[in-house]
Amino acid sequence: MLQIVLSLIGGLLVGILFKFIKLPVPAPPLIGIVGVIGIFLGAQLVTAALSLF
């Protein structure tokens, strides 16, 4: 959990810095991030299902 929080804080700081120096943010649009989360959750679901059987 600590890694997730530190990653979020680091990302926020980099995002602020990029906006401050007026650079384009090198991140996918929100729909791409949602897709990646879906892939991760799907893989976790299969792992959990396979451990039950």
PDB file of N, CA and C in Angstrom:
ATOM      1  N   MET A   1       0.827  -1.194   0.000  1.00  0.00           N
ATOM      2  CA  MET A   1       0.000   0.000   0.000  1.00  0.00           C
ATOM      3  C   MET A   1       0.871   1.259   0.000  1.00  0.00           C
ATOM      4  N   LEU A   2       1.989   1.191   0.711  1.00  0.00           N
ATOM      5  CA  LEU A   2       2.891   2.332   0.752  1.00  0.00           C
ATOM      6  C   LEU A   2       3.417   2.661  -0.644  1.00  0.00           C
ATOM      7  N   GLN A   3       3.706   1.634  -1.435  1.00  0.00           N
ATOM      8  CA  GLN A   3       4.207   1.864  -2.796  1.00  0.00           C
ATOM      9  C   GLN A   3       3.168   2.578  -3.652  1.00  0.00           C
ATOM     10  N   ILE A   4       1.913   2.235  -3.465  1.00  0.00           N
ATOM     11  CA  ILE A   4       0.840   2.874  -4.232  1.00  0.00           C
ATOM     12  C   ILE A   4       0.739   4.349  -3.866  1.00  0.00           C
ATOM     13  N   VAL A   5       0.785   4.644  -2.570  1.00  0.00           N
ATOM     14  CA  VAL A   5       0.692   6.030  -2.110  1.00  0.00           C
ATOM     15  C   VAL A   5       1.893   6.842  -2.602  1.00  0.00           C
ATOM     16  N   LEU A   6       3.095   6.266  -2.490  1.00  0.00           N
ATOM     17  CA  LEU A   6       4.288   6.972  -2.959  1.00  0.00           C
ATOM     18  C   LEU A   6       4.247   7.191  -4.471  1.00  0.00           C
ATOM     19  N   SER A   7       3.743   6.217  -5.199  1.00  0.00           N
ATOM     20  CA  SER A   7       3.614   6.354  -6.647  1.00  0.00           C
ATOM     21  C   SER A   7       2.637   7.472  -6.999  1.00  0.00           C
ATOM     22  N   LEU A   8       1.527   7.539  -6.290  1.00  0.00           N
ATOM     23  CA  LEU A   8       0.547   8.590  -6.528  1.00  0.00           C
ATOM     24  C   LEU A   8       1.131   9.964  -6.215  1.00  0.00           C
ATOM     25  N   ILE A   9       1.829  10.085  -5.094  1.00  0.00           N
ATOM     26  CA  ILE A   9       2.446  11.360  -4.727  1.00  0.00           C
ATOM     27  C   ILE A   9       3.498  11.777  -5.762  1.00  0.00           C
ATOM     28  N   GLY A  10       4.318  10.821  -6.192  1.00  0.00           N
ATOM     29  CA  GLY A  10       5.318  11.120  -7.222  1.00  0.00           C
ATOM     30  C   GLY A  10       4.672  11.569  -8.511  1.00  0.00           C
ATOM     31  N   GLY A  11       3.612  10.884  -8.918  1.00  0.00           N
ATOM     32  CA  GLY A  11       2.903  11.265 -10.137  1.00  0.00           C
ATOM     33  C   GLY A  11       2.288  12.649 -10.041  1.00  0.00           C
ATOM     34  N   LEU A  12       1.717  12.950  -8.877  1.00  0.00           N
ATOM     35  CA  LEU A  12       1.142  14.288  -8.684  1.00  0.00           C
ATOM     36  C   LEU A  12       2.213  15.371  -8.775  1.00  0.00           C
ATOM     37  N   LEU A  13       3.361  15.129  -8.156  1.00  0.00           N
ATOM     38  CA  LEU A  13       4.442  16.111  -8.206  1.00  0.00           C
ATOM     39  C   LEU A  13       4.953  16.318  -9.626  1.00  0.00           C
ATOM     40  N   VAL A  14       5.108  15.235 -10.363  1.00  0.00           N
ATOM     41  CA  VAL A  14       5.564  15.351 -11.754  1.00  0.00           C
ATOM     42  C   VAL A  14       4.517  16.063 -12.603  1.00  0.00           C
ATOM     43  N   GLY A  15       3.235  15.755 -12.377  1.00  0.00           N
ATOM     44  CA  GLY A  15       2.163  16.433 -13.112  1.00  0.00           C
ATOM     45  C   GLY A  15       2.146  17.925 -12.851  1.00  0.00           C
ATOM     46  N   ILE A  16       2.327  18.296 -11.584  1.00  0.00           N
ATOM     47  CA  ILE A  16       2.390  19.721 -11.235  1.00  0.00           C
ATOM     48  C   ILE A  16       3.581  20.382 -11.912  1.00  0.00           C
ATOM     49  N   LEU A  17       4.730  19.727 -11.865  1.00  0.00           N
ATOM     50  CA  LEU A  17       5.934  20.270 -12.497  1.00  0.00           C
ATOM     51  C   LEU A  17       5.736  20.450 -14.004  1.00  0.00           C
ATOM     52  N   PHE A  18       5.157  19.433 -14.658  1.00  0.00           N
ATOM     53  CA  PHE A  18       4.938  19.533 -16.106  1.00  0.00           C
ATOM     54  C   PHE A  18       4.010  20.694 -16.436  1.00  0.00           C
ATOM     55  N   LYS A  19       2.947  20.880 -15.660  1.00  0.00           N
ATOM     56  CA  LYS A  19       2.027  21.986 -15.910  1.00  0.00           C
ATOM     57  C   LYS A  19       2.711  23.325 -15.653  1.00  0.00           C
ATOM     58  N   PHE A  20       3.539  23.364 -14.608  1.00  0.00           N
ATOM     59  CA  PHE A  20       4.221  24.609 -14.242  1.00  0.00           C
ATOM     60  C   PHE A  20       5.173  25.071 -15.339  1.00  0.00           C
ATOM     61  N   ILE A  21       5.882  24.133 -15.964  1.00  0.00           N
ATOM     62  CA  ILE A  21       6.809  24.525 -17.030  1.00  0.00           C
ATOM     63  C   ILE A  21       6.190  24.372 -18.421  1.00  0.00           C
ATOM     64  N   LYS A  22       4.873  24.180 -18.433  1.00  0.00           N
ATOM     65  CA  LYS A  22       4.060  24.170 -19.659  1.00  0.00           C
ATOM     66  C   LYS A  22       4.499  23.115 -20.676  1.00  0.00           C
ATOM     67  N   LEU A  23       4.713  21.913 -20.191  1.00  0.00           N
ATOM     68  CA  LEU A  23       5.003  20.775 -21.061  1.00  0.00           C
ATOM     69  C   LEU A  23       3.755  19.908 -21.182  1.00  0.00           C
ATOM     70  N   PRO A  24       3.590  19.215 -22.299  1.00  0.00           N
ATOM     71  CA  PRO A  24       2.455  18.296 -22.398  1.00  0.00           C
ATOM     72  C   PRO A  24       2.662  17.105 -21.453  1.00  0.00           C
ATOM     73  N   VAL A  25       1.592  16.660 -20.855  1.00  0.00           N
ATOM     74  CA  VAL A  25       1.667  15.558 -19.903  1.00  0.00           C
ATOM     75  C   VAL A  25       1.831  14.245 -20.682  1.00  0.00           C
ATOM     76  N   PRO A  26       2.913  13.499 -20.414  1.00  0.00           N
ATOM     77  CA  PRO A  26       3.162  12.252 -21.156  1.00  0.00           C
ATOM     78  C   PRO A  26       2.410  11.066 -20.559  1.00  0.00           C
ATOM     79  N   ALA A  27       1.114  11.179 -20.489  1.00  0.00           N
ATOM     80  CA  ALA A  27       0.299  10.107 -19.915  1.00  0.00           C
ATOM     81  C   ALA A  27      -0.845   9.813 -20.885  1.00  0.00           C
ATOM     82  N   PRO A  28      -1.323   8.581 -20.868  1.00  0.00           N
ATOM     83  CA  PRO A  28      -2.454   8.262 -21.741  1.00  0.00           C
ATOM     84  C   PRO A  28      -3.711   8.980 -21.258  1.00  0.00           C
ATOM     85  N   PRO A  29      -4.685   9.148 -22.135  1.00  0.00           N
ATOM     86  CA  PRO A  29      -5.938   9.748 -21.687  1.00  0.00           C
ATOM     87  C   PRO A  29      -6.615   8.851 -20.646  1.00  0.00           C
ATOM     88  N   LEU A  30      -7.571   9.396 -19.953  1.00  0.00           N
ATOM     89  CA  LEU A  30      -8.232   8.674 -18.862  1.00  0.00           C
ATOM     90  C   LEU A  30      -8.789   7.329 -19.316  1.00  0.00           C
ATOM     91  N   ILE A  31      -9.315   7.248 -20.514  1.00  0.00           N
ATOM     92  CA  ILE A  31      -9.891   5.986 -20.996  1.00  0.00           C
ATOM     93  C   ILE A  31      -8.819   4.900 -21.095  1.00  0.00           C
ATOM     94  N   GLY A  32      -7.590   5.280 -21.411  1.00  0.00           N
ATOM     95  CA  GLY A  32      -6.493   4.313 -21.466  1.00  0.00           C
ATOM     96  C   GLY A  32      -6.137   3.799 -20.089  1.00  0.00           C
ATOM     97  N   ILE A  33      -6.166   4.688 -19.110  1.00  0.00           N
ATOM     98  CA  ILE A  33      -5.867   4.290 -17.734  1.00  0.00           C
ATOM     99  C   ILE A  33      -6.935   3.341 -17.219  1.00  0.00           C
ATOM    100  N   VAL A  34      -8.199   3.629 -17.537  1.00  0.00           N
ATOM    101  CA  VAL A  34      -9.297   2.743 -17.128  1.00  0.00           C
ATOM    102  C   VAL A  34      -9.126   1.367 -17.770  1.00  0.00           C
ATOM    103  N   GLY A  35      -8.689   1.335 -19.009  1.00  0.00           N
ATOM    104  CA  GLY A  35      -8.447   0.060 -19.685  1.00  0.00           C
ATOM    105  C   GLY A  35      -7.359  -0.756 -19.008  1.00  0.00           C
ATOM    106  N   VAL A  36      -6.289  -0.097 -18.610  1.00  0.00           N
ATOM    107  CA  VAL A  36      -5.197  -0.788 -17.914  1.00  0.00           C
ATOM    108  C   VAL A  36      -5.689  -1.336 -16.573  1.00  0.00           C
ATOM    109  N   ILE A  37      -6.495  -0.557 -15.867  1.00  0.00           N
ATOM    110  CA  ILE A  37      -7.055  -1.034 -14.592  1.00  0.00           C
ATOM    111  C   ILE A  37      -7.941  -2.248 -14.834  1.00  0.00           C
ATOM    112  N   GLY A  38      -8.715  -2.228 -15.904  1.00  0.00           N
ATOM    113  CA  GLY A  38      -9.557  -3.369 -16.248  1.00  0.00           C
ATOM    114  C   GLY A  38      -8.746  -4.621 -16.543  1.00  0.00           C
ATOM    115  N   ILE A  39      -7.653  -4.460 -17.254  1.00  0.00           N
ATOM    116  CA  ILE A  39      -6.774  -5.597 -17.543  1.00  0.00           C
ATOM    117  C   ILE A  39      -6.217  -6.176 -16.248  1.00  0.00           C
ATOM    118  N   PHE A  40      -5.755  -5.306 -15.359  1.00  0.00           N
ATOM    119  CA  PHE A  40      -5.206  -5.752 -14.081  1.00  0.00           C
ATOM    120  C   PHE A  40      -6.264  -6.484 -13.256  1.00  0.00           C
ATOM    121  N   LEU A  41      -7.465  -5.904 -13.161  1.00  0.00           N
ATOM    122  CA  LEU A  41      -8.518  -6.538 -12.370  1.00  0.00           C
ATOM    123  C   LEU A  41      -8.960  -7.871 -12.974  1.00  0.00           C
ATOM    124  N   GLY A  42      -8.991  -7.949 -14.290  1.00  0.00           N
ATOM    125  CA  GLY A  42      -9.339  -9.211 -14.943  1.00  0.00           C
ATOM    126  C   GLY A  42      -8.325 -10.300 -14.643  1.00  0.00           C
ATOM    127  N   ALA A  43      -7.053  -9.950 -14.685  1.00  0.00           N
ATOM    128  CA  ALA A  43      -6.007 -10.925 -14.372  1.00  0.00           C
ATOM    129  C   ALA A  43      -6.089 -11.368 -12.912  1.00  0.00           C
ATOM    130  N   GLN A  44      -6.375 -10.431 -12.011  1.00  0.00           N
ATOM    131  CA  GLN A  44      -6.507 -10.777 -10.599  1.00  0.00           C
ATOM    132  C   GLN A  44      -7.715 -11.684 -10.374  1.00  0.00           C
ATOM    133  N   LEU A  45      -8.795 -11.440 -11.102  1.00  0.00           N
ATOM    134  CA  LEU A  45      -9.993 -12.255 -10.982  1.00  0.00           C
ATOM    135  C   LEU A  45      -9.731 -13.690 -11.427  1.00  0.00           C
ATOM    136  N   VAL A  46      -9.016 -13.855 -12.537  1.00  0.00           N
ATOM    137  CA  VAL A  46      -8.690 -15.199 -13.021  1.00  0.00           C
ATOM    138  C   VAL A  46      -7.778 -15.904 -12.023  1.00  0.00           C
ATOM    139  N   THR A  47      -6.806 -15.210 -11.466  1.00  0.00           N
ATOM    140  CA  THR A  47      -5.911 -15.793 -10.481  1.00  0.00           C
ATOM    141  C   THR A  47      -6.695 -16.270  -9.253  1.00  0.00           C
ATOM    142  N   ALA A  48      -7.631 -15.431  -8.786  1.00  0.00           N
ATOM    143  CA  ALA A  48      -8.444 -15.798  -7.627  1.00  0.00           C
ATOM    144  C   ALA A  48      -9.345 -16.997  -7.948  1.00  0.00           C
ATOM    145  N   ALA A  49      -9.934 -17.005  -9.137  1.00  0.00           N
ATOM    146  CA  ALA A  49     -10.817 -18.109  -9.527  1.00  0.00           C
ATOM    147  C   ALA A  49     -10.038 -19.424  -9.647  1.00  0.00           C
ATOM    148  N   LEU A  50      -8.835 -19.354 -10.205  1.00  0.00           N
ATOM    149  CA  LEU A  50      -8.043 -20.564 -10.361  1.00  0.00           C
ATOM    150  C   LEU A  50      -7.559 -21.112  -9.018  1.00  0.00           C
ATOM    151  N   SER A  51      -7.352 -20.228  -8.048  1.00  0.00           N
ATOM    152  CA  SER A  51      -6.912 -20.711  -6.730  1.00  0.00           C
ATOM    153  C   SER A  51      -8.041 -21.388  -5.986  1.00  0.00           C
ATOM    154  N   LEU A  52      -9.290 -21.099  -6.363  1.00  0.00           N
ATOM    155  CA  LEU A  52     -10.432 -21.747  -5.714  1.00  0.00           C
ATOM    156  C   LEU A  52     -10.639 -23.177  -6.215  1.00  0.00           C
ATOM    157  N   PHE A  53     -10.224 -23.427  -7.451  1.00  0.00           N
ATOM    158  CA  PHE A  53     -10.446 -24.751  -8.056  1.00  0.00           C
ATOM    159  C   PHE A  53      -9.211 -25.545  -8.097  1.00  0.00           C
TER     160      PHE A  53
END
